[in-house]
């Protein structure tokens, strides 16, 4: 059996605070980020690179895909374990 190391990847991400939807729309594309709604004020619906819908909750990180208006959510614990800040 061979072993492999995951290549380092730099991503652009923004954490959803529940109060920064305007920033998220401007950054990630308003056509790919839907919500919050009166029924679900703590959730967003995100359009992924495959065109599927994924749910982001307050505190989740939203990661931008290379394709315009495509993003995906990441749990804060997973984000902290997987990503670290890089210099711009």
N, C-alpha and C. Protein backbone atom coordinates (compact mmCIF):
# COMPACT_ATOMS: atom_id res chain seq x y z
N UNK A 1 0.84 -1.18 0.00
CA UNK A 1 0.00 0.00 0.00
C UNK A 1 0.89 1.24 0.00
N UNK A 2 0.51 2.23 -0.81
CA UNK A 2 1.22 3.50 -0.86
C UNK A 2 0.57 4.50 0.07
N UNK A 3 1.37 5.47 0.49
CA UNK A 3 0.84 6.53 1.33
C UNK A 3 0.94 7.85 0.59
N UNK A 4 -0.01 8.73 0.84
CA UNK A 4 -0.07 10.01 0.15
C UNK A 4 -0.32 11.13 1.14
N UNK A 5 0.23 12.30 0.83
CA UNK A 5 0.01 13.48 1.65
C UNK A 5 -0.89 14.43 0.85
N UNK A 6 -1.85 15.02 1.52
CA UNK A 6 -2.74 15.98 0.87
C UNK A 6 -1.94 17.24 0.52
N UNK A 7 -2.07 17.69 -0.73
CA UNK A 7 -1.36 18.89 -1.15
C UNK A 7 -1.92 20.11 -0.42
N UNK A 8 -1.05 21.04 -0.08
CA UNK A 8 -1.57 22.25 0.57
C UNK A 8 -2.41 23.07 -0.42
N UNK A 9 -3.53 23.52 0.05
CA UNK A 9 -4.44 24.31 -0.77
C UNK A 9 -4.79 25.57 0.00
N UNK A 10 -4.74 26.70 -0.68
CA UNK A 10 -5.14 27.96 -0.07
C UNK A 10 -6.56 28.25 -0.51
N UNK A 11 -7.44 28.54 0.44
CA UNK A 11 -8.85 28.84 0.13
C UNK A 11 -9.19 30.23 0.64
N UNK A 12 -10.23 30.81 0.07
CA UNK A 12 -10.79 32.05 0.57
C UNK A 12 -12.02 31.68 1.37
N UNK A 13 -12.13 32.20 2.60
CA UNK A 13 -13.24 31.83 3.47
C UNK A 13 -13.67 33.03 4.30
N UNK A 14 -14.95 33.01 4.67
CA UNK A 14 -15.51 34.03 5.55
C UNK A 14 -16.47 33.33 6.51
N UNK A 15 -16.39 33.67 7.77
CA UNK A 15 -17.28 33.05 8.76
C UNK A 15 -18.60 33.80 8.79
N UNK A 16 -19.71 33.03 8.78
CA UNK A 16 -21.03 33.65 8.88
C UNK A 16 -21.36 33.88 10.34
N UNK A 17 -21.57 35.13 10.69
CA UNK A 17 -21.85 35.50 12.08
C UNK A 17 -23.34 35.61 12.37
N UNK A 18 -24.15 35.56 11.33
CA UNK A 18 -25.57 35.78 11.49
C UNK A 18 -25.94 37.23 11.26
N UNK A 19 -24.92 38.11 11.18
CA UNK A 19 -25.15 39.54 10.99
C UNK A 19 -24.41 40.08 9.77
N UNK A 20 -23.68 39.25 9.05
CA UNK A 20 -22.85 39.75 7.95
C UNK A 20 -23.30 39.23 6.58
N UNK A 21 -24.60 39.07 6.39
CA UNK A 21 -25.09 38.52 5.13
C UNK A 21 -24.75 39.43 3.95
N UNK A 22 -24.79 40.74 4.13
CA UNK A 22 -24.45 41.66 3.04
C UNK A 22 -23.00 41.45 2.59
N UNK A 23 -22.10 41.29 3.56
CA UNK A 23 -20.69 41.03 3.24
C UNK A 23 -20.53 39.71 2.51
N UNK A 24 -21.24 38.68 2.98
CA UNK A 24 -21.16 37.37 2.33
C UNK A 24 -21.67 37.43 0.90
N UNK A 25 -22.78 38.15 0.67
CA UNK A 25 -23.31 38.27 -0.69
C UNK A 25 -22.32 38.99 -1.60
N UNK A 26 -21.72 40.07 -1.10
CA UNK A 26 -20.76 40.83 -1.90
C UNK A 26 -19.51 40.00 -2.21
N UNK A 27 -19.09 39.19 -1.27
CA UNK A 27 -17.87 38.40 -1.41
C UNK A 27 -18.09 37.10 -2.17
N UNK A 28 -19.13 36.35 -1.81
CA UNK A 28 -19.32 35.01 -2.36
C UNK A 28 -20.30 34.92 -3.51
N UNK A 29 -20.98 36.00 -3.81
CA UNK A 29 -21.94 35.99 -4.89
C UNK A 29 -23.36 35.80 -4.40
N UNK A 30 -24.16 36.84 -4.52
CA UNK A 30 -25.53 36.79 -4.03
C UNK A 30 -26.35 35.72 -4.72
N UNK A 31 -25.94 35.31 -5.92
CA UNK A 31 -26.68 34.28 -6.64
C UNK A 31 -26.44 32.89 -6.08
N UNK A 32 -25.43 32.72 -5.26
CA UNK A 32 -25.12 31.41 -4.71
C UNK A 32 -25.40 31.26 -3.23
N UNK A 33 -25.82 32.36 -2.57
CA UNK A 33 -26.06 32.34 -1.13
C UNK A 33 -27.49 32.84 -0.89
N UNK A 34 -28.33 31.97 -0.32
CA UNK A 34 -29.74 32.29 -0.10
C UNK A 34 -30.06 32.27 1.39
N UNK A 35 -30.86 33.25 1.84
CA UNK A 35 -31.25 33.32 3.23
C UNK A 35 -30.58 34.49 3.88
N UNK A 36 -30.72 34.61 5.15
CA UNK A 36 -31.59 33.84 6.02
C UNK A 36 -33.06 34.18 5.75
N UNK A 37 -33.95 33.34 6.25
CA UNK A 37 -35.38 33.57 6.09
C UNK A 37 -36.03 33.72 7.46
N UNK A 38 -37.27 34.17 7.48
CA UNK A 38 -37.99 34.27 8.76
C UNK A 38 -38.12 32.90 9.42
N UNK A 39 -38.33 31.89 8.59
CA UNK A 39 -38.49 30.52 9.11
C UNK A 39 -37.19 29.94 9.63
N UNK A 40 -36.07 30.30 8.98
CA UNK A 40 -34.75 29.78 9.36
C UNK A 40 -33.75 30.94 9.44
N UNK A 41 -33.85 31.78 10.47
CA UNK A 41 -32.97 32.95 10.56
C UNK A 41 -31.51 32.62 10.85
N UNK A 42 -31.24 31.39 11.28
CA UNK A 42 -29.87 30.98 11.61
C UNK A 42 -29.25 30.09 10.54
N UNK A 43 -29.87 30.03 9.35
CA UNK A 43 -29.36 29.17 8.28
C UNK A 43 -29.26 29.91 6.96
N UNK A 44 -28.30 29.47 6.15
CA UNK A 44 -28.18 29.91 4.77
C UNK A 44 -28.21 28.68 3.88
N UNK A 45 -28.65 28.84 2.67
CA UNK A 45 -28.56 27.78 1.66
C UNK A 45 -27.48 28.23 0.68
N UNK A 46 -26.50 27.37 0.48
CA UNK A 46 -25.38 27.68 -0.40
C UNK A 46 -25.41 26.78 -1.63
N UNK A 47 -25.12 27.35 -2.78
CA UNK A 47 -25.04 26.57 -4.01
C UNK A 47 -23.59 26.12 -4.18
N UNK A 48 -23.38 24.80 -4.20
CA UNK A 48 -22.02 24.24 -4.30
C UNK A 48 -21.57 24.19 -5.75
N UNK A 49 -20.34 23.80 -5.95
CA UNK A 49 -19.75 23.73 -7.29
C UNK A 49 -20.51 22.74 -8.19
N UNK A 50 -21.19 21.77 -7.58
CA UNK A 50 -21.96 20.78 -8.35
C UNK A 50 -23.39 21.23 -8.58
N UNK A 51 -23.75 22.42 -8.08
CA UNK A 51 -25.11 22.92 -8.24
C UNK A 51 -26.06 22.44 -7.17
N UNK A 52 -25.55 21.68 -6.20
CA UNK A 52 -26.37 21.20 -5.08
C UNK A 52 -26.54 22.33 -4.05
N UNK A 53 -27.49 22.16 -3.16
CA UNK A 53 -27.70 23.09 -2.06
C UNK A 53 -27.14 22.49 -0.77
N UNK A 54 -26.41 23.29 -0.01
CA UNK A 54 -25.87 22.88 1.28
C UNK A 54 -26.29 23.92 2.31
N UNK A 55 -26.48 23.49 3.55
CA UNK A 55 -26.91 24.39 4.62
C UNK A 55 -25.70 24.86 5.42
N UNK A 56 -25.65 26.17 5.67
CA UNK A 56 -24.66 26.75 6.58
C UNK A 56 -25.42 27.34 7.76
N UNK A 57 -24.89 27.10 8.95
CA UNK A 57 -25.50 27.64 10.16
C UNK A 57 -24.60 28.75 10.72
N UNK A 58 -25.16 29.59 11.56
CA UNK A 58 -24.37 30.66 12.17
C UNK A 58 -23.12 30.05 12.80
N UNK A 59 -21.97 30.64 12.53
CA UNK A 59 -20.70 30.14 13.04
C UNK A 59 -19.93 29.33 12.02
N UNK A 60 -20.62 28.78 11.02
CA UNK A 60 -19.93 28.01 9.97
C UNK A 60 -19.10 28.95 9.10
N UNK A 61 -18.06 28.37 8.53
CA UNK A 61 -17.26 29.09 7.57
C UNK A 61 -17.83 28.82 6.18
N UNK A 62 -17.82 29.83 5.34
CA UNK A 62 -18.25 29.71 3.95
C UNK A 62 -16.98 29.80 3.11
N UNK A 63 -16.73 28.77 2.32
CA UNK A 63 -15.51 28.69 1.51
C UNK A 63 -15.89 28.90 0.05
N UNK A 64 -15.17 29.81 -0.60
CA UNK A 64 -15.46 30.12 -1.99
C UNK A 64 -14.82 29.10 -2.92
N UNK A 65 -15.61 28.63 -3.89
CA UNK A 65 -15.14 27.70 -4.91
C UNK A 65 -14.54 28.50 -6.07
N UNK A 66 -13.75 27.85 -6.94
CA UNK A 66 -13.19 28.57 -8.08
C UNK A 66 -14.27 29.05 -9.07
N UNK A 67 -15.39 28.35 -9.13
CA UNK A 67 -16.48 28.72 -10.04
C UNK A 67 -17.28 29.87 -9.43
N UNK A 68 -17.60 30.92 -10.20
CA UNK A 68 -18.35 32.05 -9.64
C UNK A 68 -19.68 31.64 -9.02
N UNK A 69 -20.05 32.31 -7.94
CA UNK A 69 -21.31 32.08 -7.23
C UNK A 69 -21.44 30.67 -6.69
N UNK A 70 -20.33 30.01 -6.40
CA UNK A 70 -20.35 28.67 -5.84
C UNK A 70 -19.52 28.67 -4.56
N UNK A 71 -20.14 28.22 -3.48
CA UNK A 71 -19.51 28.21 -2.16
C UNK A 71 -19.92 26.94 -1.44
N UNK A 72 -19.26 26.63 -0.33
CA UNK A 72 -19.71 25.50 0.49
C UNK A 72 -19.42 25.79 1.96
N UNK A 73 -20.22 25.19 2.86
CA UNK A 73 -20.05 25.44 4.28
C UNK A 73 -19.02 24.51 4.90
N UNK A 74 -18.45 24.97 6.01
CA UNK A 74 -17.52 24.13 6.78
C UNK A 74 -17.72 24.42 8.25
N UNK A 75 -17.95 23.37 9.03
CA UNK A 75 -18.11 23.46 10.47
C UNK A 75 -16.88 24.13 11.07
N UNK A 76 -17.05 25.01 12.08
CA UNK A 76 -15.89 25.71 12.65
C UNK A 76 -14.82 24.78 13.22
N UNK A 77 -15.21 23.66 13.82
CA UNK A 77 -14.21 22.73 14.37
C UNK A 77 -13.39 22.09 13.25
N UNK A 78 -14.05 21.68 12.18
CA UNK A 78 -13.35 21.09 11.04
C UNK A 78 -12.46 22.13 10.38
N UNK A 79 -12.97 23.36 10.25
CA UNK A 79 -12.19 24.43 9.65
C UNK A 79 -10.89 24.66 10.44
N UNK A 80 -11.00 24.73 11.77
CA UNK A 80 -9.84 24.96 12.62
C UNK A 80 -8.81 23.85 12.51
N UNK A 81 -9.26 22.61 12.34
CA UNK A 81 -8.35 21.48 12.21
C UNK A 81 -7.72 21.39 10.82
N UNK A 82 -8.40 21.93 9.82
CA UNK A 82 -7.97 21.75 8.43
C UNK A 82 -7.19 22.93 7.88
N UNK A 83 -7.55 24.13 8.29
CA UNK A 83 -6.96 25.34 7.69
C UNK A 83 -6.23 26.16 8.72
N UNK A 84 -5.22 26.90 8.25
CA UNK A 84 -4.52 27.84 9.09
C UNK A 84 -4.32 29.11 8.27
N UNK A 85 -4.24 30.28 8.93
CA UNK A 85 -4.07 31.54 8.19
C UNK A 85 -2.77 31.55 7.39
N UNK A 86 -2.81 32.21 6.24
CA UNK A 86 -1.61 32.42 5.42
C UNK A 86 -1.47 33.91 5.16
N UNK A 87 -0.25 34.32 4.85
CA UNK A 87 -0.03 35.72 4.50
C UNK A 87 -0.61 35.99 3.12
N UNK A 88 -1.15 37.18 2.96
CA UNK A 88 -1.79 37.55 1.67
C UNK A 88 -0.77 37.72 0.58
